[in-house]
N, C-alpha and C. Protein backbone atom coordinates (compact mmCIF):
# COMPACT_ATOMS: atom_id res chain seq x y z
N MET A 1 4.13 0.63 -2.11
CA MET A 1 2.99 1.35 -1.86
C MET A 1 2.40 1.21 -0.29
N GLU A 2 2.02 2.22 0.15
CA GLU A 2 1.40 2.37 1.61
C GLU A 2 0.04 2.27 1.43
N TYR A 3 -0.22 1.52 2.35
CA TYR A 3 -1.67 1.05 2.55
C TYR A 3 -2.60 1.76 3.94
N ASN A 4 -3.74 2.34 3.45
CA ASN A 4 -4.39 2.51 5.12
C ASN A 4 -5.14 1.56 5.47
N LEU A 5 -4.44 0.79 6.44
CA LEU A 5 -5.26 0.01 6.98
C LEU A 5 -6.44 0.09 8.04
N GLU A 6 -6.67 1.26 8.33
CA GLU A 6 -7.57 1.52 9.14
C GLU A 6 -7.63 0.97 10.27
N LEU A 7 -6.36 0.64 11.01
CA LEU A 7 -6.28 -0.02 12.47
C LEU A 7 -7.16 0.47 13.66
N GLU A 8 -7.47 1.90 13.39
CA GLU A 8 -8.10 2.45 14.49
C GLU A 8 -9.76 2.04 14.61
N ARG A 9 -10.31 1.73 13.12
CA ARG A 9 -11.41 1.47 12.90
C ARG A 9 -11.64 -0.14 13.37
N ALA A 10 -10.79 -1.21 13.33
CA ALA A 10 -10.45 -2.16 13.58
C ALA A 10 -10.65 -2.45 15.30
N VAL A 11 -9.70 -1.39 16.02
CA VAL A 11 -9.71 -1.54 17.26
C VAL A 11 -10.95 -1.11 17.94
N SER A 12 -11.95 -0.03 17.29
CA SER A 12 -12.89 0.06 17.45
C SER A 12 -14.01 -0.85 17.41
N GLU A 13 -14.08 -1.48 16.57
CA GLU A 13 -15.12 -2.91 16.05
C GLU A 13 -14.89 -3.85 17.31
N ILE A 14 -13.81 -4.28 17.39
CA ILE A 14 -13.38 -5.14 18.41
C ILE A 14 -13.90 -4.78 19.53
N LYS A 15 -13.70 -3.53 20.25
CA LYS A 15 -14.05 -3.44 21.22
C LYS A 15 -15.49 -3.28 21.44
N LYS A 16 -16.12 -2.72 20.55
CA LYS A 16 -17.82 -2.31 20.24
C LYS A 16 -18.31 -3.81 20.22
N GLN A 17 -17.77 -4.78 19.58
CA GLN A 17 -18.52 -6.31 19.59
C GLN A 17 -17.96 -7.03 20.82
N LYS A 18 -17.21 -6.60 21.88
CA LYS A 18 -16.70 -7.16 22.77
C LYS A 18 -15.80 -8.39 22.58
N ALA A 19 -15.26 -8.26 21.38
CA ALA A 19 -14.79 -10.00 20.99
C ALA A 19 -13.45 -9.92 21.64
N LYS A 20 -13.31 -11.06 22.29
CA LYS A 20 -12.09 -11.85 23.10
C LYS A 20 -11.27 -12.46 22.26
N VAL A 21 -11.64 -13.21 21.11
CA VAL A 21 -11.05 -13.89 20.43
C VAL A 21 -11.22 -13.46 18.78
N VAL A 22 -9.98 -12.85 18.02
CA VAL A 22 -10.35 -12.38 16.41
C VAL A 22 -9.40 -13.02 15.63
N CYS A 23 -9.86 -13.25 14.32
CA CYS A 23 -9.26 -13.64 13.56
C CYS A 23 -8.73 -12.38 12.47
N ILE A 24 -7.59 -12.43 12.01
CA ILE A 24 -7.58 -11.60 10.84
C ILE A 24 -7.20 -12.01 9.82
N GLN A 25 -7.66 -11.46 8.37
CA GLN A 25 -7.42 -12.39 7.24
C GLN A 25 -6.87 -11.26 6.25
N LEU A 26 -6.03 -11.73 5.96
CA LEU A 26 -5.21 -10.35 4.85
C LEU A 26 -5.03 -11.20 3.40
N PRO A 27 -4.84 -10.56 2.16
CA PRO A 27 -4.59 -11.37 1.09
C PRO A 27 -2.94 -11.42 0.88
N GLU A 28 -2.47 -12.33 -0.06
CA GLU A 28 -1.10 -12.43 -0.14
C GLU A 28 -0.39 -11.29 0.12
N GLY A 29 -0.55 -10.50 -0.67
CA GLY A 29 0.27 -8.80 -0.54
C GLY A 29 0.63 -8.11 1.07
N LEU A 30 -0.51 -8.58 1.53
CA LEU A 30 -0.34 -7.79 2.55
C LEU A 30 -0.21 -8.79 4.16
N LYS A 31 0.42 -10.05 3.73
CA LYS A 31 0.55 -11.21 4.98
C LYS A 31 1.72 -10.54 5.54
N GLN A 32 2.95 -9.91 4.94
CA GLN A 32 4.02 -9.46 5.54
C GLN A 32 3.52 -8.60 6.61
N LYS A 33 2.46 -8.02 6.60
CA LYS A 33 2.14 -7.17 7.87
C LYS A 33 1.15 -7.55 8.80
N ALA A 34 1.23 -9.03 9.00
CA ALA A 34 0.26 -9.82 9.69
C ALA A 34 0.45 -9.81 11.11
N THR A 35 2.34 -9.79 11.42
CA THR A 35 2.27 -9.86 13.02
C THR A 35 2.21 -8.31 13.53
N GLU A 36 2.83 -7.45 12.65
CA GLU A 36 2.71 -5.86 12.99
C GLU A 36 0.82 -5.65 13.70
N ILE A 37 0.01 -6.10 12.50
CA ILE A 37 -1.18 -5.77 12.87
C ILE A 37 -1.79 -6.65 13.65
N ALA A 38 -1.61 -7.47 14.17
CA ALA A 38 -1.58 -8.55 15.12
C ALA A 38 -1.29 -8.07 16.35
N ASP A 39 0.04 -7.63 16.30
CA ASP A 39 0.60 -6.88 17.94
C ASP A 39 -0.11 -5.97 18.28
N ARG A 40 -0.47 -5.00 17.17
CA ARG A 40 -1.24 -3.62 17.76
C ARG A 40 -2.84 -4.05 17.94
N LEU A 41 -3.51 -4.66 17.49
CA LEU A 41 -4.66 -4.89 18.05
C LEU A 41 -4.43 -5.34 19.29
N LYS A 42 -3.85 -6.78 19.64
CA LYS A 42 -3.52 -7.31 20.91
C LYS A 42 -3.35 -5.96 21.86
N LYS A 43 -2.37 -5.28 21.52
CA LYS A 43 -2.07 -3.98 22.44
C LYS A 43 -3.29 -3.25 23.14
N GLU A 44 -4.10 -2.71 22.06
CA GLU A 44 -4.83 -2.19 22.12
C GLU A 44 -6.11 -2.63 22.53
N THR A 45 -6.67 -3.92 22.33
CA THR A 45 -7.80 -4.41 22.83
C THR A 45 -7.73 -5.59 24.11
N ASP A 46 -6.48 -5.78 24.00
CA ASP A 46 -6.71 -7.16 24.75
C ASP A 46 -6.78 -8.76 24.22
N ALA A 47 -7.34 -8.38 23.04
CA ALA A 47 -8.01 -9.92 22.71
C ALA A 47 -6.89 -10.57 22.13
N LYS A 48 -7.26 -11.92 22.09
CA LYS A 48 -6.55 -12.93 21.61
C LYS A 48 -6.56 -12.54 20.08
N ILE A 49 -5.20 -12.42 19.26
CA ILE A 49 -5.59 -12.24 17.83
C ILE A 49 -5.02 -13.70 17.22
N LEU A 50 -5.82 -14.11 16.19
CA LEU A 50 -5.30 -15.27 15.26
C LEU A 50 -5.09 -14.67 13.99
N ILE A 51 -4.18 -15.22 13.19
CA ILE A 51 -3.64 -14.65 12.00
C ILE A 51 -4.15 -15.85 10.99
N TRP A 52 -5.10 -15.67 10.05
CA TRP A 52 -5.12 -16.80 9.30
C TRP A 52 -4.04 -16.72 8.16
N ALA A 53 -3.93 -17.94 8.24
CA ALA A 53 -2.66 -17.85 7.07
C ALA A 53 -2.68 -18.78 5.83
N GLY A 54 -4.36 -19.14 5.70
CA GLY A 54 -4.77 -19.93 4.27
C GLY A 54 -4.90 -18.64 3.36
N THR A 55 -5.31 -19.32 2.27
CA THR A 55 -5.42 -18.45 1.07
C THR A 55 -6.46 -17.17 1.12
N CYS A 56 -6.48 -16.44 0.41
CA CYS A 56 -7.59 -15.36 0.59
C CYS A 56 -7.90 -14.64 -0.52
N TYR A 57 -9.17 -15.49 -1.52
CA TYR A 57 -9.04 -14.77 -2.80
C TYR A 57 -10.18 -13.61 -2.87
N GLY A 58 -10.88 -12.67 -1.68
CA GLY A 58 -11.47 -11.55 -1.67
C GLY A 58 -12.21 -11.75 -0.47
N ALA A 59 -13.51 -11.13 -0.55
CA ALA A 59 -13.87 -10.79 0.62
C ALA A 59 -15.17 -11.86 0.57
N CYS A 60 -15.38 -13.11 -0.39
CA CYS A 60 -16.30 -13.75 -0.68
C CYS A 60 -15.45 -15.11 0.04
N ASP A 61 -14.30 -14.90 0.33
CA ASP A 61 -13.41 -16.36 0.59
C ASP A 61 -13.70 -16.14 2.27
N VAL A 62 -14.38 -16.46 2.71
CA VAL A 62 -14.76 -16.38 4.29
C VAL A 62 -14.06 -17.57 4.90
N PRO A 63 -13.14 -17.79 5.75
CA PRO A 63 -12.98 -19.10 6.51
C PRO A 63 -13.83 -19.63 7.39
N ASP A 64 -13.86 -20.64 7.63
CA ASP A 64 -15.21 -21.93 7.88
C ASP A 64 -14.13 -21.82 9.45
N LEU A 65 -14.49 -20.97 10.40
CA LEU A 65 -14.08 -21.03 11.78
C LEU A 65 -14.79 -21.37 13.00
N LYS A 66 -14.48 -21.91 13.96
CA LYS A 66 -15.28 -22.17 15.00
C LYS A 66 -14.23 -21.27 16.36
N GLY A 67 -15.26 -20.97 17.35
CA GLY A 67 -14.47 -20.21 18.32
C GLY A 67 -14.11 -18.71 18.41
N ILE A 68 -14.13 -18.21 17.29
CA ILE A 68 -13.95 -16.84 17.22
C ILE A 68 -14.94 -15.90 17.43
N ASP A 69 -15.04 -14.77 18.19
CA ASP A 69 -15.92 -13.52 18.16
C ASP A 69 -16.20 -12.77 17.13
N LEU A 70 -14.86 -12.47 16.34
CA LEU A 70 -14.72 -11.71 15.13
C LEU A 70 -13.99 -12.08 14.13
N LEU A 71 -14.05 -11.71 12.64
CA LEU A 71 -13.47 -12.11 11.48
C LEU A 71 -12.93 -10.58 10.92
N ILE A 72 -11.86 -10.34 10.85
CA ILE A 72 -11.82 -8.91 10.27
C ILE A 72 -10.74 -9.47 9.07
N GLN A 73 -11.34 -8.76 8.07
CA GLN A 73 -10.64 -9.13 6.27
C GLN A 73 -10.13 -7.64 6.05
N TRP A 74 -8.95 -7.65 5.31
CA TRP A 74 -8.34 -6.43 4.88
C TRP A 74 -8.16 -7.26 3.14
N GLY A 75 -8.23 -5.96 2.27
CA GLY A 75 -7.77 -6.35 1.12
C GLY A 75 -7.27 -5.57 0.41
N HIS A 76 -6.83 -5.37 -1.11
CA HIS A 76 -6.02 -4.07 -1.66
C HIS A 76 -6.82 -3.13 -2.13
N ALA A 77 -8.11 -3.39 -2.46
CA ALA A 77 -8.92 -2.19 -2.50
C ALA A 77 -9.83 -1.74 -1.68
N GLU A 78 -10.28 -0.64 -2.00
CA GLU A 78 -11.31 0.08 -1.12
C GLU A 78 -12.54 0.21 -1.70
N TRP A 79 -13.42 -0.31 -0.59
CA TRP A 79 -14.79 -0.69 -0.86
C TRP A 79 -15.34 0.47 -0.95
N LYS A 80 -16.33 0.32 -2.26
CA LYS A 80 -16.95 1.71 -2.58
C LYS A 80 -18.44 1.89 -1.98
N ARG A 81 -18.56 2.61 -0.82
CA ARG A 81 -20.06 3.00 -0.30
C ARG A 81 -20.73 3.85 -0.85
N THR A 82 -21.88 3.46 -1.20
CA THR A 82 -23.19 4.27 -1.71
C THR A 82 -24.15 4.23 -1.00
């Protein structure tokens, strides 16, 4: 199955926030793409990209991190905007 990871949106948000240190959080099924995502974000933004390797059980499972400017989470399901 192919997912739309909206990497252009992530790049845009990193630039908009002027984030220098970004942590990306992925559910287990998408962790295999972590280095690919990190490499692209780093290349297009020059931000330091950290990969959260801990568990992730959804959008409410936010890691307690210090020293990052931005946390970007991905999931399997699309958020419905109303």
